[in-house]
Amino acid sequence: AISMRMMVDEFQRIGLTTLGSPGLEAINFLKPVHPGDILTAELVLLERRPSNTRPDRIIAKLRTAIRNQNDEVVWTARHIGFFPRKPVQPA
């Protein structure tokens, strides 16, 4: 939940609209998180491509990693997301 909230907040901050997601490809709980831990998240774009069935959309694969205050990765996930495709400007 924390990771999703951070991701949505960042999308809003940079003005990126999401069109939903079909879900997660993988989720890994690597280490326990304890009360008082300070968590940071990293979101990496792994791949993006135009949708074959919806030409107005891009399908993106993303990876999220959450680290604790000791820089240990405690959680990772791979997501798929749909985003609007910017119109191609004529040359």
N, C-alpha and C. Protein backbone atom coordinates (compact mmCIF):
# COMPACT_ATOMS: atom_id res chain seq x y z
N ALA A 1 0.82 -1.20 0.00
CA ALA A 1 0.00 0.00 0.00
C ALA A 1 0.86 1.25 0.00
N ILE A 2 1.93 1.24 0.78
CA ILE A 2 2.82 2.41 0.82
C ILE A 2 3.44 2.65 -0.54
N SER A 3 3.90 1.59 -1.18
CA SER A 3 4.52 1.73 -2.50
C SER A 3 3.53 2.29 -3.52
N MET A 4 2.30 1.78 -3.51
CA MET A 4 1.30 2.25 -4.46
C MET A 4 1.01 3.73 -4.23
N ARG A 5 0.88 4.12 -2.97
CA ARG A 5 0.61 5.52 -2.67
C ARG A 5 1.74 6.43 -3.14
N MET A 6 2.99 6.01 -2.89
CA MET A 6 4.14 6.80 -3.32
C MET A 6 4.17 6.91 -4.85
N MET A 7 3.85 5.82 -5.54
CA MET A 7 3.86 5.83 -6.99
C MET A 7 2.79 6.77 -7.54
N VAL A 8 1.59 6.70 -7.00
CA VAL A 8 0.50 7.58 -7.44
C VAL A 8 0.84 9.04 -7.17
N ASP A 9 1.38 9.33 -5.99
CA ASP A 9 1.78 10.70 -5.66
C ASP A 9 2.82 11.23 -6.64
N GLU A 10 3.77 10.38 -7.01
CA GLU A 10 4.81 10.82 -7.95
C GLU A 10 4.23 11.03 -9.35
N PHE A 11 3.35 10.15 -9.79
CA PHE A 11 2.70 10.34 -11.09
C PHE A 11 1.96 11.68 -11.10
N GLN A 12 1.24 11.99 -10.03
CA GLN A 12 0.52 13.26 -9.96
C GLN A 12 1.50 14.44 -9.95
N ARG A 13 2.59 14.31 -9.23
CA ARG A 13 3.57 15.39 -9.12
C ARG A 13 4.15 15.76 -10.50
N ILE A 14 4.40 14.75 -11.32
CA ILE A 14 4.99 15.03 -12.64
C ILE A 14 3.94 15.18 -13.74
N GLY A 15 2.66 15.07 -13.37
CA GLY A 15 1.59 15.28 -14.33
C GLY A 15 1.33 14.09 -15.24
N LEU A 16 1.64 12.89 -14.78
CA LEU A 16 1.43 11.68 -15.57
C LEU A 16 0.10 11.04 -15.17
N THR A 17 -0.72 10.77 -16.16
CA THR A 17 -2.02 10.14 -15.93
C THR A 17 -1.88 8.64 -16.15
N THR A 18 -2.42 7.86 -15.24
CA THR A 18 -2.44 6.41 -15.43
C THR A 18 -3.86 5.99 -15.82
N LEU A 19 -3.93 4.97 -16.65
CA LEU A 19 -5.22 4.46 -17.10
C LEU A 19 -5.51 3.09 -16.50
N GLY A 20 -4.88 2.81 -15.36
CA GLY A 20 -5.14 1.56 -14.67
C GLY A 20 -4.05 0.53 -14.89
N SER A 21 -4.31 -0.65 -14.39
CA SER A 21 -3.32 -1.73 -14.44
C SER A 21 -4.04 -3.07 -14.41
N PRO A 22 -3.52 -4.04 -15.18
CA PRO A 22 -4.09 -5.38 -15.08
C PRO A 22 -3.54 -6.15 -13.88
N GLY A 23 -2.56 -5.57 -13.18
CA GLY A 23 -2.06 -6.23 -11.97
C GLY A 23 -0.55 -6.28 -11.90
N LEU A 24 -0.09 -7.12 -11.00
CA LEU A 24 1.33 -7.31 -10.75
C LEU A 24 1.81 -8.59 -11.41
N GLU A 25 3.05 -8.57 -11.91
CA GLU A 25 3.66 -9.80 -12.42
C GLU A 25 4.33 -10.58 -11.30
N ALA A 26 4.89 -9.86 -10.34
CA ALA A 26 5.60 -10.51 -9.23
C ALA A 26 5.63 -9.57 -8.04
N ILE A 27 5.64 -10.15 -6.86
CA ILE A 27 5.79 -9.39 -5.64
C ILE A 27 6.64 -10.23 -4.69
N ASN A 28 7.65 -9.59 -4.06
CA ASN A 28 8.57 -10.32 -3.21
C ASN A 28 8.75 -9.58 -1.88
N PHE A 29 8.46 -10.27 -0.79
CA PHE A 29 8.70 -9.74 0.55
C PHE A 29 10.04 -10.32 1.00
N LEU A 30 11.07 -9.50 1.01
CA LEU A 30 12.43 -9.99 1.22
C LEU A 30 12.90 -9.92 2.67
N LYS A 31 12.46 -8.90 3.40
CA LYS A 31 12.86 -8.73 4.79
C LYS A 31 11.69 -8.11 5.55
N PRO A 32 11.61 -8.34 6.85
CA PRO A 32 10.53 -7.72 7.62
C PRO A 32 10.70 -6.22 7.73
N VAL A 33 9.58 -5.52 7.85
CA VAL A 33 9.57 -4.08 8.10
C VAL A 33 9.02 -3.91 9.51
N HIS A 34 9.69 -3.06 10.28
CA HIS A 34 9.33 -2.87 11.68
C HIS A 34 8.83 -1.45 11.93
N PRO A 35 8.00 -1.25 12.96
CA PRO A 35 7.58 0.10 13.31
C PRO A 35 8.81 0.99 13.53
N GLY A 36 8.76 2.18 12.97
CA GLY A 36 9.88 3.11 13.09
C GLY A 36 10.87 3.04 11.94
N ASP A 37 10.78 2.00 11.10
CA ASP A 37 11.67 1.94 9.93
C ASP A 37 11.38 3.13 9.02
N ILE A 38 12.42 3.61 8.39
CA ILE A 38 12.30 4.70 7.40
C ILE A 38 12.43 4.05 6.04
N LEU A 39 11.37 4.16 5.24
CA LEU A 39 11.31 3.48 3.95
C LEU A 39 11.42 4.48 2.80
N THR A 40 12.13 4.07 1.76
CA THR A 40 12.20 4.84 0.52
C THR A 40 11.87 3.89 -0.62
N ALA A 41 11.33 4.44 -1.68
CA ALA A 41 10.94 3.61 -2.82
C ALA A 41 11.64 4.10 -4.08
N GLU A 42 11.91 3.16 -4.95
CA GLU A 42 12.51 3.45 -6.25
C GLU A 42 11.61 2.81 -7.30
N LEU A 43 11.27 3.58 -8.31
CA LEU A 43 10.43 3.09 -9.41
C LEU A 43 11.25 3.18 -10.69
N VAL A 44 11.36 2.07 -11.40
CA VAL A 44 12.17 2.01 -12.62
C VAL A 44 11.28 1.54 -13.77
N LEU A 45 11.35 2.26 -14.89
CA LEU A 45 10.66 1.85 -16.11
C LEU A 45 11.51 0.78 -16.78
N LEU A 46 10.97 -0.43 -16.91
CA LEU A 46 11.70 -1.53 -17.53
C LEU A 46 11.47 -1.60 -19.03
N GLU A 47 10.24 -1.32 -19.43
CA GLU A 47 9.86 -1.49 -20.84
C GLU A 47 8.59 -0.69 -21.10
N ARG A 48 8.46 -0.19 -22.31
CA ARG A 48 7.19 0.41 -22.72
C ARG A 48 6.99 0.14 -24.20
N ARG A 49 5.72 -0.01 -24.54
CA ARG A 49 5.40 -0.26 -25.95
C ARG A 49 3.97 0.20 -26.22
N PRO A 50 3.67 0.55 -27.45
CA PRO A 50 2.29 0.91 -27.79
C PRO A 50 1.40 -0.34 -27.67
N SER A 51 0.18 -0.14 -27.25
CA SER A 51 -0.78 -1.23 -27.18
C SER A 51 -1.17 -1.67 -28.59
N ASN A 52 -1.28 -2.97 -28.80
CA ASN A 52 -1.70 -3.48 -30.12
C ASN A 52 -3.18 -3.27 -30.36
N THR A 53 -3.97 -3.27 -29.29
CA THR A 53 -5.42 -3.17 -29.44
C THR A 53 -5.97 -1.78 -29.15
N ARG A 54 -5.23 -0.96 -28.43
CA ARG A 54 -5.67 0.40 -28.08
C ARG A 54 -4.54 1.37 -28.47
N PRO A 55 -4.53 1.87 -29.70
CA PRO A 55 -3.42 2.71 -30.16
C PRO A 55 -3.26 4.02 -29.39
N ASP A 56 -4.24 4.38 -28.57
CA ASP A 56 -4.13 5.61 -27.77
C ASP A 56 -3.43 5.36 -26.44
N ARG A 57 -2.92 4.11 -26.23
CA ARG A 57 -2.31 3.75 -24.95
C ARG A 57 -0.92 3.15 -25.12
N ILE A 58 -0.15 3.31 -24.06
CA ILE A 58 1.15 2.65 -23.95
C ILE A 58 1.04 1.67 -22.79
N ILE A 59 1.66 0.51 -22.97
CA ILE A 59 1.76 -0.47 -21.90
C ILE A 59 3.17 -0.39 -21.36
N ALA A 60 3.28 -0.19 -20.06
CA ALA A 60 4.59 -0.05 -19.42
C ALA A 60 4.78 -1.14 -18.38
N LYS A 61 6.00 -1.66 -18.32
CA LYS A 61 6.39 -2.57 -17.25
C LYS A 61 7.30 -1.78 -16.31
N LEU A 62 6.98 -1.84 -15.03
CA LEU A 62 7.70 -1.07 -14.02
C LEU A 62 8.19 -1.99 -12.91
N ARG A 63 9.28 -1.59 -12.27
CA ARG A 63 9.77 -2.33 -11.11
C ARG A 63 9.85 -1.36 -9.93
N THR A 64 9.33 -1.77 -8.80
CA THR A 64 9.42 -0.98 -7.59
C THR A 64 10.27 -1.74 -6.58
N ALA A 65 11.15 -1.01 -5.91
CA ALA A 65 11.93 -1.58 -4.81
C ALA A 65 11.77 -0.65 -3.61
N ILE A 66 11.51 -1.22 -2.46
CA ILE A 66 11.44 -0.44 -1.22
C ILE A 66 12.64 -0.84 -0.37
N ARG A 67 13.34 0.19 0.14
CA ARG A 67 14.52 -0.01 0.98
C ARG A 67 14.26 0.56 2.36
N ASN A 68 14.92 -0.02 3.34
CA ASN A 68 14.83 0.51 4.70
C ASN A 68 15.97 1.50 4.96
N GLN A 69 16.06 1.99 6.17
CA GLN A 69 17.05 2.99 6.53
C GLN A 69 18.49 2.47 6.43
N ASN A 70 18.66 1.16 6.35
CA ASN A 70 19.99 0.55 6.19
C ASN A 70 20.31 0.26 4.73
N ASP A 71 19.49 0.78 3.82
CA ASP A 71 19.62 0.59 2.37
C ASP A 71 19.43 -0.88 1.96
N GLU A 72 18.71 -1.63 2.78
CA GLU A 72 18.40 -3.02 2.45
C GLU A 72 17.07 -3.06 1.70
N VAL A 73 17.03 -3.80 0.61
CA VAL A 73 15.78 -3.97 -0.12
C VAL A 73 14.89 -4.90 0.68
N VAL A 74 13.70 -4.41 1.03
CA VAL A 74 12.78 -5.21 1.84
C VAL A 74 11.59 -5.73 1.03
N TRP A 75 11.36 -5.13 -0.14
CA TRP A 75 10.18 -5.49 -0.93
C TRP A 75 10.42 -5.10 -2.38
N THR A 76 10.03 -5.95 -3.31
CA THR A 76 10.09 -5.61 -4.73
C THR A 76 8.81 -6.06 -5.41
N ALA A 77 8.50 -5.41 -6.52
CA ALA A 77 7.34 -5.82 -7.32
C ALA A 77 7.59 -5.41 -8.77
N ARG A 78 6.99 -6.16 -9.68
CA ARG A 78 6.96 -5.79 -11.09
C ARG A 78 5.50 -5.56 -11.46
N HIS A 79 5.23 -4.39 -12.02
CA HIS A 79 3.86 -3.98 -12.35
C HIS A 79 3.72 -3.82 -13.86
N ILE A 80 2.49 -3.85 -14.30
CA ILE A 80 2.14 -3.45 -15.66
C ILE A 80 1.16 -2.30 -15.52
N GLY A 81 1.36 -1.25 -16.31
CA GLY A 81 0.46 -0.11 -16.25
C GLY A 81 0.09 0.38 -17.64
N PHE A 82 -1.08 0.98 -17.74
CA PHE A 82 -1.54 1.59 -18.98
C PHE A 82 -1.46 3.11 -18.83
N PHE A 83 -0.92 3.76 -19.84
CA PHE A 83 -0.76 5.21 -19.83
C PHE A 83 -1.21 5.77 -21.17
N PRO A 84 -1.71 7.01 -21.19
CA PRO A 84 -2.11 7.60 -22.47
C PRO A 84 -0.89 7.81 -23.36
N ARG A 85 -1.10 7.58 -24.63
CA ARG A 85 -0.04 7.80 -25.62
C ARG A 85 -0.19 9.20 -26.17
N LYS A 86 0.92 9.92 -26.20
CA LYS A 86 0.88 11.26 -26.75
C LYS A 86 0.67 11.17 -28.26
N PRO A 87 -0.16 12.06 -28.81
CA PRO A 87 -0.36 12.04 -30.26
C PRO A 87 0.95 12.33 -31.00
N VAL A 88 1.14 11.65 -32.12
CA VAL A 88 2.32 11.88 -32.95
C VAL A 88 2.13 13.19 -33.70
N GLN A 89 3.09 14.08 -33.58
CA GLN A 89 3.04 15.37 -34.26
C GLN A 89 3.50 15.20 -35.71
N PRO A 90 2.75 15.75 -36.68
CA PRO A 90 3.18 15.65 -38.08
C PRO A 90 4.49 16.38 -38.30
N ALA A 91 5.29 15.87 -39.18
CA ALA A 91 6.61 16.48 -39.47
C ALA A 91 6.49 17.72 -40.31
